[in-house]
Amino acid sequence: MGSGHCIVEAPGAFDLDDDGISFVVDPAAVSEDTIIDTARKCPTQAISVHRDGVRLH
């Protein structure tokens, strides 16, 4: 179940598929801080953020 929250918080970085599940379109569309903030705000905690193999969120 996707809430669509990530599309509002990080426009251009995420989109929803036909089943309503979010996926990354372009992580460079917004700042890294915005991606991390969006992950923290995800109501289903479905977003994890990694850089160089280290989980940031």
PDB file of N, CA and C in Angstrom:
ATOM      1  N   MET A   1       0.839  -1.167   0.000  1.00  0.00           N
ATOM      2  CA  MET A   1       0.000   0.000   0.000  1.00  0.00           C
ATOM      3  C   MET A   1       0.892   1.240   0.000  1.00  0.00           C
ATOM      4  N   GLY A   2       0.697   2.084  -0.959  1.00  0.00           N
ATOM      5  CA  GLY A   2       1.431   3.339  -0.999  1.00  0.00           C
ATOM      6  C   GLY A   2       0.532   4.483  -0.577  1.00  0.00           C
ATOM      7  N   SER A   3       1.074   5.401   0.161  1.00  0.00           N
ATOM      8  CA  SER A   3       0.289   6.557   0.601  1.00  0.00           C
ATOM      9  C   SER A   3       0.424   7.726  -0.351  1.00  0.00           C
ATOM     10  N   GLY A   4       1.501   7.725  -1.149  1.00  0.00           N
ATOM     11  CA  GLY A   4       1.757   8.843  -2.046  1.00  0.00           C
ATOM     12  C   GLY A   4       2.439  10.010  -1.374  1.00  0.00           C
ATOM     13  N   HIS A   5       2.697   9.871  -0.089  1.00  0.00           N
ATOM     14  CA  HIS A   5       3.334  10.935   0.682  1.00  0.00           C
ATOM     15  C   HIS A   5       4.688  11.313   0.087  1.00  0.00           C
ATOM     16  N   CYS A   6       5.432  10.327  -0.369  1.00  0.00           N
ATOM     17  CA  CYS A   6       6.774  10.585  -0.899  1.00  0.00           C
ATOM     18  C   CYS A   6       6.730  11.432  -2.164  1.00  0.00           C
ATOM     19  N   ILE A   7       5.691  11.290  -2.942  1.00  0.00           N
ATOM     20  CA  ILE A   7       5.565  12.076  -4.174  1.00  0.00           C
ATOM     21  C   ILE A   7       5.362  13.544  -3.842  1.00  0.00           C
ATOM     22  N   VAL A   8       4.637  13.823  -2.785  1.00  0.00           N
ATOM     23  CA  VAL A   8       4.407  15.198  -2.350  1.00  0.00           C
ATOM     24  C   VAL A   8       5.668  15.779  -1.723  1.00  0.00           C
ATOM     25  N   GLU A   9       6.332  14.995  -0.892  1.00  0.00           N
ATOM     26  CA  GLU A   9       7.511  15.468  -0.165  1.00  0.00           C
ATOM     27  C   GLU A   9       8.755  15.587  -1.046  1.00  0.00           C
ATOM     28  N   ALA A  10       8.879  14.707  -2.034  1.00  0.00           N
ATOM     29  CA  ALA A  10      10.072  14.691  -2.894  1.00  0.00           C
ATOM     30  C   ALA A  10       9.652  14.554  -4.359  1.00  0.00           C
ATOM     31  N   PRO A  11       9.023  15.591  -4.898  1.00  0.00           N
ATOM     32  CA  PRO A  11       8.537  15.513  -6.280  1.00  0.00           C
ATOM     33  C   PRO A  11       9.681  15.279  -7.259  1.00  0.00           C
ATOM     34  N   GLY A  12       9.431  14.375  -8.188  1.00  0.00           N
ATOM     35  CA  GLY A  12      10.435  14.037  -9.180  1.00  0.00           C
ATOM     36  C   GLY A  12      11.334  12.892  -8.765  1.00  0.00           C
ATOM     37  N   ALA A  13      11.424  12.638  -7.482  1.00  0.00           N
ATOM     38  CA  ALA A  13      12.276  11.545  -7.000  1.00  0.00           C
ATOM     39  C   ALA A  13      11.511  10.226  -6.934  1.00  0.00           C
ATOM     40  N   PHE A  14      10.211  10.278  -6.656  1.00  0.00           N
ATOM     41  CA  PHE A  14       9.382   9.085  -6.519  1.00  0.00           C
ATOM     42  C   PHE A  14       8.170   9.152  -7.438  1.00  0.00           C
ATOM     43  N   ASP A  15       7.617   7.989  -7.726  1.00  0.00           N
ATOM     44  CA  ASP A  15       6.359   7.879  -8.452  1.00  0.00           C
ATOM     45  C   ASP A  15       5.638   6.655  -7.901  1.00  0.00           C
ATOM     46  N   LEU A  16       4.389   6.485  -8.281  1.00  0.00           N
ATOM     47  CA  LEU A  16       3.612   5.312  -7.862  1.00  0.00           C
ATOM     48  C   LEU A  16       3.375   4.420  -9.061  1.00  0.00           C
ATOM     49  N   ASP A  17       3.496   3.108  -8.865  1.00  0.00           N
ATOM     50  CA  ASP A  17       3.196   2.180  -9.949  1.00  0.00           C
ATOM     51  C   ASP A  17       1.689   1.944 -10.008  1.00  0.00           C
ATOM     52  N   ASP A  18       1.260   1.078 -10.904  1.00  0.00           N
ATOM     53  CA  ASP A  18      -0.180   0.820 -11.090  1.00  0.00           C
ATOM     54  C   ASP A  18      -0.846   0.225  -9.866  1.00  0.00           C
ATOM     55  N   ASP A  19      -0.055  -0.385  -8.973  1.00  0.00           N
ATOM     56  CA  ASP A  19      -0.596  -0.968  -7.741  1.00  0.00           C
ATOM     57  C   ASP A  19      -0.548   0.003  -6.568  1.00  0.00           C
ATOM     58  N   GLY A  20      -0.079   1.234  -6.830  1.00  0.00           N
ATOM     59  CA  GLY A  20      -0.006   2.231  -5.766  1.00  0.00           C
ATOM     60  C   GLY A  20       1.224   2.105  -4.893  1.00  0.00           C
ATOM     61  N   ILE A  21       2.235   1.385  -5.377  1.00  0.00           N
ATOM     62  CA  ILE A  21       3.479   1.212  -4.631  1.00  0.00           C
ATOM     63  C   ILE A  21       4.502   2.215  -5.163  1.00  0.00           C
ATOM     64  N   SER A  22       5.147   2.919  -4.258  1.00  0.00           N
ATOM     65  CA  SER A  22       6.110   3.928  -4.693  1.00  0.00           C
ATOM     66  C   SER A  22       7.424   3.287  -5.128  1.00  0.00           C
ATOM     67  N   PHE A  23       8.097   3.971  -6.030  1.00  0.00           N
ATOM     68  CA  PHE A  23       9.414   3.543  -6.480  1.00  0.00           C
ATOM     69  C   PHE A  23      10.234   4.779  -6.820  1.00  0.00           C
ATOM     70  N   VAL A  24      11.535   4.614  -6.811  1.00  0.00           N
ATOM     71  CA  VAL A  24      12.440   5.728  -7.091  1.00  0.00           C
ATOM     72  C   VAL A  24      12.515   5.948  -8.596  1.00  0.00           C
ATOM     73  N   VAL A  25      12.315   7.206  -8.990  1.00  0.00           N
ATOM     74  CA  VAL A  25      12.433   7.595 -10.390  1.00  0.00           C
ATOM     75  C   VAL A  25      13.789   8.258 -10.619  1.00  0.00           C
ATOM     76  N   ASP A  26      14.111   9.238  -9.773  1.00  0.00           N
ATOM     77  CA  ASP A  26      15.357   9.990  -9.917  1.00  0.00           C
ATOM     78  C   ASP A  26      15.788  10.523  -8.558  1.00  0.00           C
ATOM     79  N   PRO A  27      16.675   9.816  -7.866  1.00  0.00           N
ATOM     80  CA  PRO A  27      17.091  10.268  -6.533  1.00  0.00           C
ATOM     81  C   PRO A  27      17.808  11.614  -6.557  1.00  0.00           C
ATOM     82  N   ALA A  28      18.318  12.021  -7.704  1.00  0.00           N
ATOM     83  CA  ALA A  28      19.015  13.307  -7.808  1.00  0.00           C
ATOM     84  C   ALA A  28      18.049  14.469  -8.020  1.00  0.00           C
ATOM     85  N   ALA A  29      16.746  14.185  -8.110  1.00  0.00           N
ATOM     86  CA  ALA A  29      15.755  15.242  -8.345  1.00  0.00           C
ATOM     87  C   ALA A  29      15.601  16.176  -7.144  1.00  0.00           C
ATOM     88  N   VAL A  30      15.972  15.692  -5.969  1.00  0.00           N
ATOM     89  CA  VAL A  30      15.901  16.488  -4.742  1.00  0.00           C
ATOM     90  C   VAL A  30      17.175  16.243  -3.941  1.00  0.00           C
ATOM     91  N   SER A  31      17.377  17.024  -2.911  1.00  0.00           N
ATOM     92  CA  SER A  31      18.586  16.875  -2.096  1.00  0.00           C
ATOM     93  C   SER A  31      18.551  15.576  -1.279  1.00  0.00           C
ATOM     94  N   GLU A  32      19.734  15.137  -0.862  1.00  0.00           N
ATOM     95  CA  GLU A  32      19.822  13.960  -0.004  1.00  0.00           C
ATOM     96  C   GLU A  32      19.051  14.183   1.292  1.00  0.00           C
ATOM     97  N   ASP A  33      19.122  15.386   1.836  1.00  0.00           N
ATOM     98  CA  ASP A  33      18.380  15.698   3.068  1.00  0.00           C
ATOM     99  C   ASP A  33      16.881  15.535   2.858  1.00  0.00           C
ATOM    100  N   THR A  34      16.385  15.919   1.692  1.00  0.00           N
ATOM    101  CA  THR A  34      14.956  15.768   1.397  1.00  0.00           C
ATOM    102  C   THR A  34      14.584  14.302   1.300  1.00  0.00           C
ATOM    103  N   ILE A  35      15.429  13.499   0.670  1.00  0.00           N
ATOM    104  CA  ILE A  35      15.164  12.061   0.582  1.00  0.00           C
ATOM    105  C   ILE A  35      15.102  11.443   1.974  1.00  0.00           C
ATOM    106  N   ILE A  36      16.057  11.775   2.819  1.00  0.00           N
ATOM    107  CA  ILE A  36      16.090  11.228   4.185  1.00  0.00           C
ATOM    108  C   ILE A  36      14.877  11.692   4.976  1.00  0.00           C
ATOM    109  N   ASP A  37      14.526  12.962   4.863  1.00  0.00           N
ATOM    110  CA  ASP A  37      13.353  13.487   5.560  1.00  0.00           C
ATOM    111  C   ASP A  37      12.083  12.796   5.079  1.00  0.00           C
ATOM    112  N   THR A  38      11.996  12.575   3.784  1.00  0.00           N
ATOM    113  CA  THR A  38      10.838  11.880   3.218  1.00  0.00           C
ATOM    114  C   THR A  38      10.759  10.457   3.755  1.00  0.00           C
ATOM    115  N   ALA A  39      11.891   9.772   3.838  1.00  0.00           N
ATOM    116  CA  ALA A  39      11.905   8.412   4.385  1.00  0.00           C
ATOM    117  C   ALA A  39      11.433   8.400   5.833  1.00  0.00           C
ATOM    118  N   ARG A  40      11.870   9.365   6.598  1.00  0.00           N
ATOM    119  CA  ARG A  40      11.459   9.443   8.015  1.00  0.00           C
ATOM    120  C   ARG A  40       9.955   9.673   8.160  1.00  0.00           C
ATOM    121  N   LYS A  41       9.381  10.406   7.218  1.00  0.00           N
ATOM    122  CA  LYS A  41       7.959  10.744   7.279  1.00  0.00           C
ATOM    123  C   LYS A  41       7.056   9.684   6.657  1.00  0.00           C
ATOM    124  N   CYS A  42       7.632   8.673   6.007  1.00  0.00           N
ATOM    125  CA  CYS A  42       6.826   7.656   5.335  1.00  0.00           C
ATOM    126  C   CYS A  42       5.932   6.946   6.358  1.00  0.00           C
ATOM    127  N   PRO A  43       4.617   7.026   6.173  1.00  0.00           N
ATOM    128  CA  PRO A  43       3.721   6.437   7.167  1.00  0.00           C
ATOM    129  C   PRO A  43       3.799   4.910   7.251  1.00  0.00           C
ATOM    130  N   THR A  44       4.309   4.274   6.215  1.00  0.00           N
ATOM    131  CA  THR A  44       4.436   2.816   6.253  1.00  0.00           C
ATOM    132  C   THR A  44       5.881   2.371   6.489  1.00  0.00           C
ATOM    133  N   GLN A  45       6.803   3.331   6.660  1.00  0.00           N
ATOM    134  CA  GLN A  45       8.221   3.050   6.878  1.00  0.00           C
ATOM    135  C   GLN A  45       8.782   2.164   5.764  1.00  0.00           C
ATOM    136  N   ALA A  46       8.310   2.395   4.540  1.00  0.00           N
ATOM    137  CA  ALA A  46       8.700   1.571   3.396  1.00  0.00           C
ATOM    138  C   ALA A  46       9.962   2.054   2.702  1.00  0.00           C
ATOM    139  N   ILE A  47      10.454   3.242   3.047  1.00  0.00           N
ATOM    140  CA  ILE A  47      11.611   3.807   2.369  1.00  0.00           C
ATOM    141  C   ILE A  47      12.846   3.666   3.253  1.00  0.00           C
ATOM    142  N   SER A  48      13.878   3.083   2.691  1.00  0.00           N
ATOM    143  CA  SER A  48      15.173   3.073   3.374  1.00  0.00           C
ATOM    144  C   SER A  48      16.172   3.779   2.471  1.00  0.00           C
ATOM    145  N   VAL A  49      17.119   4.461   3.068  1.00  0.00           N
ATOM    146  CA  VAL A  49      18.098   5.238   2.327  1.00  0.00           C
ATOM    147  C   VAL A  49      19.489   4.710   2.659  1.00  0.00           C
ATOM    148  N   HIS A  50      20.259   4.396   1.620  1.00  0.00           N
ATOM    149  CA  HIS A  50      21.609   3.867   1.785  1.00  0.00           C
ATOM    150  C   HIS A  50      22.581   4.688   0.944  1.00  0.00           C
ATOM    151  N   ARG A  51      23.774   4.898   1.460  1.00  0.00           N
ATOM    152  CA  ARG A  51      24.859   5.512   0.697  1.00  0.00           C
ATOM    153  C   ARG A  51      26.100   4.695   0.948  1.00  0.00           C
ATOM    154  N   ASP A  52      26.722   4.226  -0.121  1.00  0.00           N
ATOM    155  CA  ASP A  52      27.955   3.440  -0.024  1.00  0.00           C
ATOM    156  C   ASP A  52      27.794   2.238   0.917  1.00  0.00           C
ATOM    157  N   GLY A  53      26.635   1.593   0.854  1.00  0.00           N
ATOM    158  CA  GLY A  53      26.398   0.416   1.665  1.00  0.00           C
ATOM    159  C   GLY A  53      26.024   0.665   3.101  1.00  0.00           C
ATOM    160  N   VAL A  54      25.945   1.943   3.491  1.00  0.00           N
ATOM    161  CA  VAL A  54      25.603   2.300   4.872  1.00  0.00           C
ATOM    162  C   VAL A  54      24.181   2.849   4.888  1.00  0.00           C
ATOM    163  N   ARG A  55      23.377   2.314   5.787  1.00  0.00           N
ATOM    164  CA  ARG A  55      21.996   2.779   5.884  1.00  0.00           C
ATOM    165  C   ARG A  55      21.962   4.133   6.605  1.00  0.00           C
ATOM    166  N   LEU A  56      21.379   5.126   5.931  1.00  0.00           N
ATOM    167  CA  LEU A  56      21.216   6.467   6.508  1.00  0.00           C
ATOM    168  C   LEU A  56      19.872   6.606   7.189  1.00  0.00           C
ATOM    169  N   HIS A  57      18.918   5.859   6.712  1.00  0.00           N
ATOM    170  CA  HIS A  57      17.582   5.782   7.323  1.00  0.00           C
ATOM    171  C   HIS A  57      16.914   4.527   6.852  1.00  0.00           C
TER     172      HIS A  57
END
